[in-house]
C-alpha atoms as a PDB file:
ATOM      1  CA  MET A   1       0.064   0.022  -0.153  1.00  0.00           C
ATOM      2  CA  GLU A   2       1.217   3.361  -1.032  1.00  0.00           C
ATOM      3  CA  LYS A   3       2.100   5.718   1.977  1.00  0.00           C
ATOM      4  CA  THR A   4       0.375   9.208   2.000  1.00  0.00           C
ATOM      5  CA  TYR A   5      -0.116  11.772   4.293  1.00  0.00           C
ATOM      6  CA  TYR A   6      -3.748  11.130   4.832  1.00  0.00           C
ATOM      7  CA  ASP A   7      -4.380   7.736   5.964  1.00  0.00           C
ATOM      8  CA  PRO A   8      -7.628   6.347   4.173  1.00  0.00           C
ATOM      9  CA  SER A   9      -8.619   4.213   7.051  1.00  0.00           C
ATOM     10  CA  ASP A  10      -9.007   7.421   9.254  1.00  0.00           C
ATOM     11  CA  LEU A  11     -12.137   8.266   7.511  1.00  0.00           C
ATOM     12  CA  LYS A  12     -13.739   5.120   9.299  1.00  0.00           C
ATOM     13  CA  LYS A  13     -12.648   6.683  12.605  1.00  0.00           C
ATOM     14  CA  PHE A  14     -14.551  10.083  11.961  1.00  0.00           C
ATOM     15  CA  GLY A  15     -17.326   9.110  14.410  1.00  0.00           C
ATOM     16  CA  LYS A  16     -14.815   8.906  17.133  1.00  0.00           C
ATOM     17  CA  ILE A  17     -14.494  12.694  16.885  1.00  0.00           C
ATOM     18  CA  SER A  18     -17.013  12.971  19.515  1.00  0.00           C
ATOM     19  CA  GLU A  19     -14.922  10.947  22.132  1.00  0.00           C
ATOM     20  CA  TRP A  20     -13.187  14.065  23.310  1.00  0.00           C
ATOM     21  CA  ASN A  21     -16.416  16.311  23.176  1.00  0.00           C
ATOM     22  CA  GLU A  22     -19.415  14.479  23.212  1.00  0.00           C
ATOM     23  CA  GLU A  23     -21.877  17.205  23.494  1.00  0.00           C
ATOM     24  CA  LEU A  24     -20.554  19.185  20.358  1.00  0.00           C
ATOM     25  CA  GLY A  25     -19.891  16.084  18.488  1.00  0.00           C
ATOM     26  CA  SER A  26     -23.327  14.621  18.849  1.00  0.00           C
ATOM     27  CA  LYS A  27     -24.787  17.860  17.795  1.00  0.00           C
ATOM     28  CA  PHE A  28     -22.547  18.033  14.649  1.00  0.00           C
ATOM     29  CA  PHE A  29     -23.498  14.568  13.666  1.00  0.00           C
ATOM     30  CA  GLU A  30     -27.107  15.169  14.421  1.00  0.00           C
ATOM     31  CA  TYR A  31     -27.066  18.348  12.023  1.00  0.00           C
ATOM     32  CA  TYR A  32     -25.006  16.404   9.465  1.00  0.00           C
ATOM     33  CA  GLY A  33     -27.467  13.830   9.385  1.00  0.00           C
ATOM     34  CA  LYS A  34     -30.387  16.382   8.928  1.00  0.00           C
ATOM     35  CA  VAL A  35     -28.588  18.250   6.285  1.00  0.00           C
ATOM     36  CA  PHE A  36     -28.384  14.934   3.925  1.00  0.00           C
ATOM     37  CA  GLU A  37     -31.815  13.794   4.537  1.00  0.00           C
ATOM     38  CA  GLU A  38     -34.151  14.210   1.424  1.00  0.00           C
ATOM     39  CA  GLY A  39     -35.682  17.675   1.179  1.00  0.00           C
ATOM     40  CA  ASN A  40     -36.156  20.062  -1.596  1.00  0.00           C
ATOM     41  CA  LEU A  41     -32.943  18.242  -2.808  1.00  0.00           C
ATOM     42  CA  THR A  42     -32.697  14.597  -3.385  1.00  0.00           C
ATOM     43  CA  ALA A  43     -30.113  12.655  -1.478  1.00  0.00           C
ATOM     44  CA  ARG A  44     -28.270  12.078  -4.949  1.00  0.00           C
ATOM     45  CA  GLU A  45     -28.255  15.762  -5.767  1.00  0.00           C
ATOM     46  CA  LYS A  46     -26.982  16.364  -2.264  1.00  0.00           C
ATOM     47  CA  SER A  47     -24.195  13.937  -2.765  1.00  0.00           C
ATOM     48  CA  LEU A  48     -23.048  15.407  -5.813  1.00  0.00           C
ATOM     49  CA  ILE A  49     -22.915  18.937  -4.349  1.00  0.00           C
ATOM     50  CA  ALA A  50     -20.832  17.404  -1.315  1.00  0.00           C
ATOM     51  CA  LEU A  51     -18.539  15.868  -3.828  1.00  0.00           C
ATOM     52  CA  ALA A  52     -17.999  19.321  -5.623  1.00  0.00           C
ATOM     53  CA  VAL A  53     -17.477  21.003  -2.307  1.00  0.00           C
ATOM     54  CA  ALA A  54     -15.119  18.259  -0.958  1.00  0.00           C
ATOM     55  CA  HIS A  55     -12.978  19.146  -4.172  1.00  0.00           C
ATOM     56  CA  THR A  56     -13.167  22.906  -3.356  1.00  0.00           C
ATOM     57  CA  VAL A  57     -12.164  22.428   0.384  1.00  0.00           C
ATOM     58  CA  GLN A  58      -9.483  19.827  -0.746  1.00  0.00           C
ATOM     59  CA  CYS A  59     -10.793  17.143   1.697  1.00  0.00           C
ATOM     60  CA  PRO A  60      -9.446  13.590   0.669  1.00  0.00           C
ATOM     61  CA  TYR A  61     -11.574  11.861   3.165  1.00  0.00           C
ATOM     62  CA  CYS A  62     -14.523  13.729   1.716  1.00  0.00           C
ATOM     63  CA  ILE A  63     -13.763  13.033  -1.818  1.00  0.00           C
ATOM     64  CA  ASP A  64     -13.349   9.264  -0.980  1.00  0.00           C
ATOM     65  CA  ALA A  65     -16.627   9.152   1.123  1.00  0.00           C
ATOM     66  CA  TYR A  66     -18.714  10.997  -1.666  1.00  0.00           C
ATOM     67  CA  THR A  67     -17.180   9.541  -4.629  1.00  0.00           C
ATOM     68  CA  GLY A  68     -18.517   6.202  -2.933  1.00  0.00           C
ATOM     69  CA  ASP A  69     -21.724   7.645  -1.941  1.00  0.00           C
ATOM     70  CA  GLY A  70     -22.282   9.018  -5.499  1.00  0.00           C
ATOM     71  CA  LEU A  71     -21.649   5.593  -7.205  1.00  0.00           C
ATOM     72  CA  LYS A  72     -24.195   4.043  -4.685  1.00  0.00           C
ATOM     73  CA  ARG A  73     -26.623   6.471  -5.755  1.00  0.00           C
ATOM     74  CA  GLY A  74     -26.039   6.242  -9.586  1.00  0.00           C
ATOM     75  CA  ILE A  75     -23.882   9.145 -10.111  1.00  0.00           C
ATOM     76  CA  THR A  76     -22.062   8.655 -13.279  1.00  0.00           C
ATOM     77  CA  LYS A  77     -18.265   9.589 -13.593  1.00  0.00           C
ATOM     78  CA  GLU A  78     -19.316  12.189 -16.230  1.00  0.00           C
ATOM     79  CA  GLU A  79     -21.624  13.992 -13.699  1.00  0.00           C
ATOM     80  CA  MET A  80     -18.947  13.660 -11.138  1.00  0.00           C
ATOM     81  CA  MET A  81     -16.463  15.335 -13.369  1.00  0.00           C
ATOM     82  CA  GLU A  82     -18.965  17.895 -14.623  1.00  0.00           C
ATOM     83  CA  ALA A  83     -19.554  18.809 -10.952  1.00  0.00           C
ATOM     84  CA  LEU A  84     -15.699  18.910 -10.270  1.00  0.00           C
ATOM     85  CA  HIS A  85     -15.517  21.559 -13.129  1.00  0.00           C
ATOM     86  CA  VAL A  86     -18.325  23.677 -11.832  1.00  0.00           C
ATOM     87  CA  ALA A  87     -16.533  23.655  -8.264  1.00  0.00           C
ATOM     88  CA  ALA A  88     -13.161  24.589 -10.144  1.00  0.00           C
ATOM     89  CA  ALA A  89     -14.815  27.496 -12.145  1.00  0.00           C
ATOM     90  CA  ILE A  90     -16.298  28.732  -8.949  1.00  0.00           C
ATOM     91  CA  ARG A  91     -12.993  28.515  -7.017  1.00  0.00           C
ATOM     92  CA  GLY A  92     -10.948  29.990  -9.918  1.00  0.00           C
ATOM     93  CA  GLY A  93     -13.435  32.852 -10.294  1.00  0.00           C
ATOM     94  CA  ALA A  94     -13.390  33.648  -6.590  1.00  0.00           C
ATOM     95  CA  SER A  95      -9.391  33.827  -6.765  1.00  0.00           C
ATOM     96  CA  LEU A  96      -9.655  36.080  -9.856  1.00  0.00           C
ATOM     97  CA  VAL A  97     -12.210  38.386  -8.523  1.00  0.00           C
ATOM     98  CA  HIS A  98      -9.938  39.251  -5.491  1.00  0.00           C
ATOM     99  CA  GLY A  99      -7.688  40.640  -8.322  1.00  0.00           C
ATOM    100  CA  VAL A 100      -9.819  43.654  -8.003  1.00  0.00           C
ATOM    101  CA  GLN A 101      -8.661  44.098  -4.413  1.00  0.00           C
ATOM    102  CA  MET A 102      -5.275  44.001  -5.686  1.00  0.00           C
ATOM    103  CA  MET A 103      -5.732  46.388  -8.363  1.00  0.00           C
ATOM    104  CA  ASN A 104      -7.231  48.857  -5.904  1.00  0.00           C
ATOM    105  CA  LYS A 105      -4.616  48.585  -3.508  1.00  0.00           C
ATOM    106  CA  TYR A 106      -2.035  48.976  -6.443  1.00  0.00           C
ATOM    107  CA  ASP A 107      -3.668  52.042  -7.624  1.00  0.00           C
ATOM    108  CA  LYS A 108      -4.028  53.574  -3.979  1.00  0.00           C
ATOM    109  CA  LEU A 109      -0.470  52.917  -3.168  1.00  0.00           C
ATOM    110  CA  SER A 110       1.107  54.136  -6.595  1.00  0.00           C
ATOM    111  CA  MET A 111      -0.526  57.436  -6.609  1.00  0.00           C
END
């Protein structure tokens, strides 16, 4: 097995995060469960959103979890890749729009 900084087996230990603060851990997992219940969005749609967000926040555990979840929910590799490109476009746009701040600061400092 290839050695990585993130140990994939740690994902299975996520529930243990409550051991050091049961009250907050329990509240988080209750909230997390509610968020992913069927609502105005289907569980499938929420899984695809979660996968895109996982790439944006660069969480390898989340990417593993929601790639697997998406497969179970019938999300195709093409849908996953399209969602990833949406996330990348938003992330890239957010970086570029901050260029306006740089331009404003440059103009102010160079007067």
